[in-house]
Amino acid sequence: MMKIETASDLEFMNKNDAFVRIVAFVEKDSLLENEIEDVLGEKGEVWDIVYVDGTEDSGTVSYSDGAGDYIGLPLLIGALFSQDSSFYSCNLQKAFLQGRLVSAVYEERTTLLYEDFSADAEKSYCSYYYDTDVQDAIQEIGDAFAETTPSINTVSAAATVLEGNNKYAVLKGCPRVY
């Protein structure tokens, strides 16, 4: 891995790797592909370029066949390891489906915990950690994953509520929400 400031600073050396992916945090199509082909060979067969426009928080990854948006470092890394935009898009849709399913399970679990602890006089103090604010936060996450492009702010705010809630629930001897 090398860090460059401009496309003219690039130097390529063929080390006979089976495949090379160039991850460029420069303006899309600013690298001279013919110069890279002179060193590495034909694009697509032994190398490709992925352009990233953004930060670790959010942005767009451009492949030769299209682009995909990412939110957060885990999705950026997933985008960099995806072979093309359709593969990345497919993986995003599977992750969002998984997020919706997990949210539904935790929402149901939290509702049941709330009902059980509310009915138990000795442990009723635990019901606070599963009340409607917590249930709403879980539902917000599930709803966000139902969108084509989830709102990072919505997911982040709801996750912050749940993280804090879990910490205090454990300190009080109550089960975690997740």
C-alpha atoms as a PDB file:
ATOM      1  CA  MET A   1       0.000   0.000   0.000  1.00  0.00           C
ATOM      2  CA  MET A   2       1.271   3.436  -0.846  1.00  0.00           C
ATOM      3  CA  LYS A   3      -0.095   6.888  -0.224  1.00  0.00           C
ATOM      4  CA  ILE A   4       0.012   9.409  -3.029  1.00  0.00           C
ATOM      5  CA  GLU A   5      -1.037  13.014  -3.241  1.00  0.00           C
ATOM      6  CA  THR A   6      -1.588  13.256  -7.007  1.00  0.00           C
ATOM      7  CA  ALA A   7      -2.008  10.789  -9.842  1.00  0.00           C
ATOM      8  CA  SER A   8       1.374  11.790 -11.263  1.00  0.00           C
ATOM      9  CA  ASP A   9       3.069  10.409  -8.115  1.00  0.00           C
ATOM     10  CA  LEU A  10       2.076   6.852  -9.006  1.00  0.00           C
ATOM     11  CA  GLU A  11       4.707   4.275  -9.776  1.00  0.00           C
ATOM     12  CA  PHE A  12       3.689   0.731 -10.655  1.00  0.00           C
ATOM     13  CA  MET A  13       5.757  -2.409 -10.599  1.00  0.00           C
ATOM     14  CA  ASN A  14       4.518  -5.739 -11.886  1.00  0.00           C
ATOM     15  CA  LYS A  15       5.115  -8.368  -9.213  1.00  0.00           C
ATOM     16  CA  ASN A  16       3.174 -11.022 -11.128  1.00  0.00           C
ATOM     17  CA  ASP A  17       0.239 -10.945  -8.726  1.00  0.00           C
ATOM     18  CA  ALA A  18      -2.824 -12.879  -9.899  1.00  0.00           C
ATOM     19  CA  PHE A  19      -4.961  -9.760  -9.547  1.00  0.00           C
ATOM     20  CA  VAL A  20      -4.375  -6.192  -8.356  1.00  0.00           C
ATOM     21  CA  ARG A  21      -7.069  -3.849  -7.077  1.00  0.00           C
ATOM     22  CA  ILE A  22      -6.120  -0.196  -6.971  1.00  0.00           C
ATOM     23  CA  VAL A  23      -8.100   1.769  -4.377  1.00  0.00           C
ATOM     24  CA  ALA A  24      -7.869   5.417  -5.346  1.00  0.00           C
ATOM     25  CA  PHE A  25      -8.957   8.230  -3.052  1.00  0.00           C
ATOM     26  CA  VAL A  26      -8.601  10.678  -5.928  1.00  0.00           C
ATOM     27  CA  GLU A  27     -11.029  12.159  -8.432  1.00  0.00           C
ATOM     28  CA  LYS A  28     -12.788   9.487 -10.494  1.00  0.00           C
ATOM     29  CA  ASP A  29     -11.027   8.668 -13.773  1.00  0.00           C
ATOM     30  CA  SER A  30      -8.039  10.845 -12.860  1.00  0.00           C
ATOM     31  CA  LEU A  31      -5.573   7.954 -13.111  1.00  0.00           C
ATOM     32  CA  LEU A  32      -4.079   7.311 -16.529  1.00  0.00           C
ATOM     33  CA  GLU A  33      -5.186   3.755 -17.180  1.00  0.00           C
ATOM     34  CA  ASN A  34      -3.011   3.322 -20.261  1.00  0.00           C
ATOM     35  CA  GLU A  35       0.102   3.876 -18.126  1.00  0.00           C
ATOM     36  CA  ILE A  36      -1.110   1.273 -15.652  1.00  0.00           C
ATOM     37  CA  GLU A  37      -1.853  -1.159 -18.503  1.00  0.00           C
ATOM     38  CA  ASP A  38       1.711  -0.710 -19.785  1.00  0.00           C
ATOM     39  CA  VAL A  39       2.999  -2.091 -16.479  1.00  0.00           C
ATOM     40  CA  LEU A  40       0.293  -4.474 -15.228  1.00  0.00           C
ATOM     41  CA  GLY A  41      -1.421  -5.638 -18.395  1.00  0.00           C
ATOM     42  CA  GLU A  42      -5.019  -5.437 -19.537  1.00  0.00           C
ATOM     43  CA  LYS A  43      -7.530  -3.890 -17.163  1.00  0.00           C
ATOM     44  CA  GLY A  44     -10.197  -6.275 -15.906  1.00  0.00           C
ATOM     45  CA  GLU A  45      -8.112  -9.385 -16.405  1.00  0.00           C
ATOM     46  CA  VAL A  46      -5.293  -8.715 -13.951  1.00  0.00           C
ATOM     47  CA  TRP A  47      -6.190  -5.378 -12.353  1.00  0.00           C
ATOM     48  CA  ASP A  48      -8.940  -2.849 -11.754  1.00  0.00           C
ATOM     49  CA  ILE A  49      -9.491   0.496 -10.061  1.00  0.00           C
ATOM     50  CA  VAL A  50     -12.014   1.439  -7.406  1.00  0.00           C
ATOM     51  CA  TYR A  51     -12.415   5.169  -6.791  1.00  0.00           C
ATOM     52  CA  VAL A  52     -13.550   6.364  -3.375  1.00  0.00           C
ATOM     53  CA  ASP A  53     -15.148   9.778  -2.962  1.00  0.00           C
ATOM     54  CA  GLY A  54     -15.805  10.419   0.729  1.00  0.00           C
ATOM     55  CA  THR A  55     -14.568   9.748   4.221  1.00  0.00           C
ATOM     56  CA  GLU A  56     -14.778   6.717   6.482  1.00  0.00           C
ATOM     57  CA  ASP A  57     -18.205   7.991   7.584  1.00  0.00           C
ATOM     58  CA  SER A  58     -19.902   8.110   4.188  1.00  0.00           C
ATOM     59  CA  GLY A  59     -19.327   8.473   0.476  1.00  0.00           C
ATOM     60  CA  THR A  60     -19.421   6.735  -2.875  1.00  0.00           C
ATOM     61  CA  VAL A  61     -17.325   3.914  -4.287  1.00  0.00           C
ATOM     62  CA  SER A  62     -17.073   3.848  -8.086  1.00  0.00           C
ATOM     63  CA  TYR A  63     -16.397   0.638  -9.974  1.00  0.00           C
ATOM     64  CA  SER A  64     -15.965   0.213 -13.700  1.00  0.00           C
ATOM     65  CA  ASP A  65     -19.626  -0.902 -13.966  1.00  0.00           C
ATOM     66  CA  GLY A  66     -21.254   1.678 -11.684  1.00  0.00           C
ATOM     67  CA  ALA A  67     -21.161   3.086  -8.179  1.00  0.00           C
ATOM     68  CA  GLY A  68     -22.460   2.369  -4.710  1.00  0.00           C
ATOM     69  CA  ASP A  69     -22.905   4.505  -1.638  1.00  0.00           C
ATOM     70  CA  TYR A  70     -21.604   3.482   1.767  1.00  0.00           C
ATOM     71  CA  ILE A  71     -22.325   4.605   5.305  1.00  0.00           C
ATOM     72  CA  GLY A  72     -19.598   3.892   7.843  1.00  0.00           C
ATOM     73  CA  LEU A  73     -16.258   2.133   7.742  1.00  0.00           C
ATOM     74  CA  PRO A  74     -17.636  -1.445   7.689  1.00  0.00           C
ATOM     75  CA  LEU A  75     -19.609  -0.748   4.498  1.00  0.00           C
ATOM     76  CA  LEU A  76     -16.616   1.016   2.936  1.00  0.00           C
ATOM     77  CA  ILE A  77     -14.472  -2.052   3.563  1.00  0.00           C
ATOM     78  CA  GLY A  78     -17.247  -4.258   2.178  1.00  0.00           C
ATOM     79  CA  ALA A  79     -17.376  -2.078  -0.924  1.00  0.00           C
ATOM     80  CA  LEU A  80     -13.627  -2.331  -1.439  1.00  0.00           C
ATOM     81  CA  PHE A  81     -13.765  -6.119  -1.294  1.00  0.00           C
ATOM     82  CA  SER A  82     -16.754  -6.389  -3.631  1.00  0.00           C
ATOM     83  CA  GLN A  83     -15.913  -7.315  -7.194  1.00  0.00           C
ATOM     84  CA  ASP A  84     -18.323  -4.804  -8.755  1.00  0.00           C
ATOM     85  CA  SER A  85     -21.267  -2.523  -8.012  1.00  0.00           C
ATOM     86  CA  SER A  86     -23.940  -5.195  -8.498  1.00  0.00           C
ATOM     87  CA  PHE A  87     -22.165  -7.559  -6.078  1.00  0.00           C
ATOM     88  CA  TYR A  88     -21.890  -4.732  -3.523  1.00  0.00           C
ATOM     89  CA  SER A  89     -25.547  -3.792  -3.999  1.00  0.00           C
ATOM     90  CA  CYS A  90     -26.638  -7.409  -3.539  1.00  0.00           C
ATOM     91  CA  ASN A  91     -24.617  -7.710  -0.324  1.00  0.00           C
ATOM     92  CA  LEU A  92     -26.102  -4.440   0.965  1.00  0.00           C
ATOM     93  CA  GLN A  93     -29.626  -5.691   0.365  1.00  0.00           C
ATOM     94  CA  LYS A  94     -28.839  -8.942   2.198  1.00  0.00           C
ATOM     95  CA  ALA A  95     -27.343  -6.995   5.132  1.00  0.00           C
ATOM     96  CA  PHE A  96     -30.374  -4.681   5.290  1.00  0.00           C
ATOM     97  CA  LEU A  97     -32.731  -7.672   5.267  1.00  0.00           C
ATOM     98  CA  GLN A  98     -30.705  -9.245   8.077  1.00  0.00           C
ATOM     99  CA  GLY A  99     -30.868  -5.950  10.001  1.00  0.00           C
ATOM    100  CA  ARG A 100     -34.647  -5.830   9.663  1.00  0.00           C
ATOM    101  CA  LEU A 101     -35.011  -9.444  10.836  1.00  0.00           C
ATOM    102  CA  VAL A 102     -32.706  -8.980  13.815  1.00  0.00           C
ATOM    103  CA  SER A 103     -34.504  -5.766  14.780  1.00  0.00           C
ATOM    104  CA  ALA A 104     -37.867  -7.552  14.677  1.00  0.00           C
ATOM    105  CA  VAL A 105     -36.570 -10.313  16.970  1.00  0.00           C
ATOM    106  CA  TYR A 106     -35.109  -7.824  19.468  1.00  0.00           C
ATOM    107  CA  GLU A 107     -38.241  -5.698  19.357  1.00  0.00           C
ATOM    108  CA  GLU A 108     -40.401  -8.705  20.244  1.00  0.00           C
ATOM    109  CA  ARG A 109     -37.943  -9.822  22.948  1.00  0.00           C
ATOM    110  CA  THR A 110     -37.882  -6.361  24.481  1.00  0.00           C
ATOM    111  CA  THR A 111     -41.674  -6.161  24.524  1.00  0.00           C
ATOM    112  CA  LEU A 112     -41.889  -9.527  26.302  1.00  0.00           C
ATOM    113  CA  LEU A 113     -39.211  -8.527  28.833  1.00  0.00           C
ATOM    114  CA  TYR A 114     -41.092  -5.295  29.524  1.00  0.00           C
ATOM    115  CA  GLU A 115     -44.350  -7.157  30.119  1.00  0.00           C
ATOM    116  CA  ASP A 116     -42.728  -9.813  32.324  1.00  0.00           C
ATOM    117  CA  PHE A 117     -40.798  -7.365  34.491  1.00  0.00           C
ATOM    118  CA  SER A 118     -43.755  -5.012  34.787  1.00  0.00           C
ATOM    119  CA  ALA A 119     -45.813  -7.904  36.226  1.00  0.00           C
ATOM    120  CA  ASP A 120     -43.098  -8.938  38.740  1.00  0.00           C
ATOM    121  CA  ALA A 121     -43.165  -6.653  41.789  1.00  0.00           C
ATOM    122  CA  GLU A 122     -39.666  -7.709  42.916  1.00  0.00           C
ATOM    123  CA  LYS A 123     -38.062  -7.030  39.536  1.00  0.00           C
ATOM    124  CA  SER A 124     -40.305  -4.248  38.241  1.00  0.00           C
ATOM    125  CA  TYR A 125     -37.347  -1.840  38.293  1.00  0.00           C
ATOM    126  CA  CYS A 126     -35.981  -3.764  35.276  1.00  0.00           C
ATOM    127  CA  SER A 127     -39.005  -2.838  33.163  1.00  0.00           C
ATOM    128  CA  TYR A 128     -37.492   0.649  32.742  1.00  0.00           C
ATOM    129  CA  TYR A 129     -34.770  -0.838  30.493  1.00  0.00           C
ATOM    130  CA  TYR A 130     -37.343  -2.275  28.075  1.00  0.00           C
ATOM    131  CA  ASP A 131     -39.945   0.499  27.958  1.00  0.00           C
ATOM    132  CA  THR A 132     -41.377   2.150  24.852  1.00  0.00           C
ATOM    133  CA  ASP A 133     -38.315   4.394  24.304  1.00  0.00           C
ATOM    134  CA  VAL A 134     -36.135   1.310  23.914  1.00  0.00           C
ATOM    135  CA  GLN A 135     -38.729  -0.483  21.801  1.00  0.00           C
ATOM    136  CA  ASP A 136     -39.030   2.609  19.589  1.00  0.00           C
ATOM    137  CA  ALA A 137     -35.238   2.778  19.143  1.00  0.00           C
ATOM    138  CA  ILE A 138     -35.178  -0.840  17.978  1.00  0.00           C
ATOM    139  CA  GLN A 139     -38.077  -0.189  15.601  1.00  0.00           C
ATOM    140  CA  GLU A 140     -36.287   2.895  14.194  1.00  0.00           C
ATOM    141  CA  ILE A 141     -33.292   0.741  13.316  1.00  0.00           C
ATOM    142  CA  GLY A 142     -35.507  -1.829  11.595  1.00  0.00           C
ATOM    143  CA  ASP A 143     -37.390   0.897   9.729  1.00  0.00           C
ATOM    144  CA  ALA A 144     -34.125   2.492   8.618  1.00  0.00           C
ATOM    145  CA  PHE A 145     -32.955  -0.830   7.172  1.00  0.00           C
ATOM    146  CA  ALA A 146     -36.192  -1.028   5.194  1.00  0.00           C
ATOM    147  CA  GLU A 147     -35.065   2.046   3.228  1.00  0.00           C
ATOM    148  CA  THR A 148     -32.935   1.765   0.085  1.00  0.00           C
ATOM    149  CA  THR A 149     -30.284   3.930   1.743  1.00  0.00           C
ATOM    150  CA  PRO A 150     -30.627   3.836   5.542  1.00  0.00           C
ATOM    151  CA  SER A 151     -30.112   7.090   7.421  1.00  0.00           C
ATOM    152  CA  ILE A 152     -26.836   6.815   9.329  1.00  0.00           C
ATOM    153  CA  ASN A 153     -28.074   9.474  11.752  1.00  0.00           C
ATOM    154  CA  THR A 154     -31.217   7.488  12.585  1.00  0.00           C
ATOM    155  CA  VAL A 155     -29.341   4.232  13.072  1.00  0.00           C
ATOM    156  CA  SER A 156     -26.565   5.921  15.055  1.00  0.00           C
ATOM    157  CA  ALA A 157     -28.944   7.770  17.399  1.00  0.00           C
ATOM    158  CA  ALA A 158     -30.980   4.628  18.065  1.00  0.00           C
ATOM    159  CA  ALA A 159     -27.829   2.553  18.605  1.00  0.00           C
ATOM    160  CA  THR A 160     -26.561   5.114  21.132  1.00  0.00           C
ATOM    161  CA  VAL A 161     -29.817   4.796  23.116  1.00  0.00           C
ATOM    162  CA  LEU A 162     -29.530   0.996  23.085  1.00  0.00           C
ATOM    163  CA  GLU A 163     -25.835   0.945  24.052  1.00  0.00           C
ATOM    164  CA  GLY A 164     -26.419   3.192  27.049  1.00  0.00           C
ATOM    165  CA  ASN A 165     -29.504   1.235  28.024  1.00  0.00           C
ATOM    166  CA  ASN A 166     -27.628  -2.073  27.905  1.00  0.00           C
ATOM    167  CA  LYS A 167     -24.831  -0.734  30.083  1.00  0.00           C
ATOM    168  CA  TYR A 168     -27.210   0.377  32.828  1.00  0.00           C
ATOM    169  CA  ALA A 169     -29.369  -2.749  32.592  1.00  0.00           C
ATOM    170  CA  VAL A 170     -26.320  -4.926  33.267  1.00  0.00           C
ATOM    171  CA  LEU A 171     -25.257  -2.723  36.200  1.00  0.00           C
ATOM    172  CA  LYS A 172     -28.707  -3.214  37.751  1.00  0.00           C
ATOM    173  CA  GLY A 173     -28.644  -7.000  37.187  1.00  0.00           C
ATOM    174  CA  CYS A 174     -31.218  -6.950  34.400  1.00  0.00           C
ATOM    175  CA  PRO A 175     -30.909  -8.818  31.081  1.00  0.00           C
ATOM    176  CA  ARG A 176     -29.461  -6.933  28.130  1.00  0.00           C
ATOM    177  CA  VAL A 177     -31.672  -5.836  25.298  1.00  0.00           C
ATOM    178  CA  TYR A 178     -29.254  -7.354  22.779  1.00  0.00           C
END
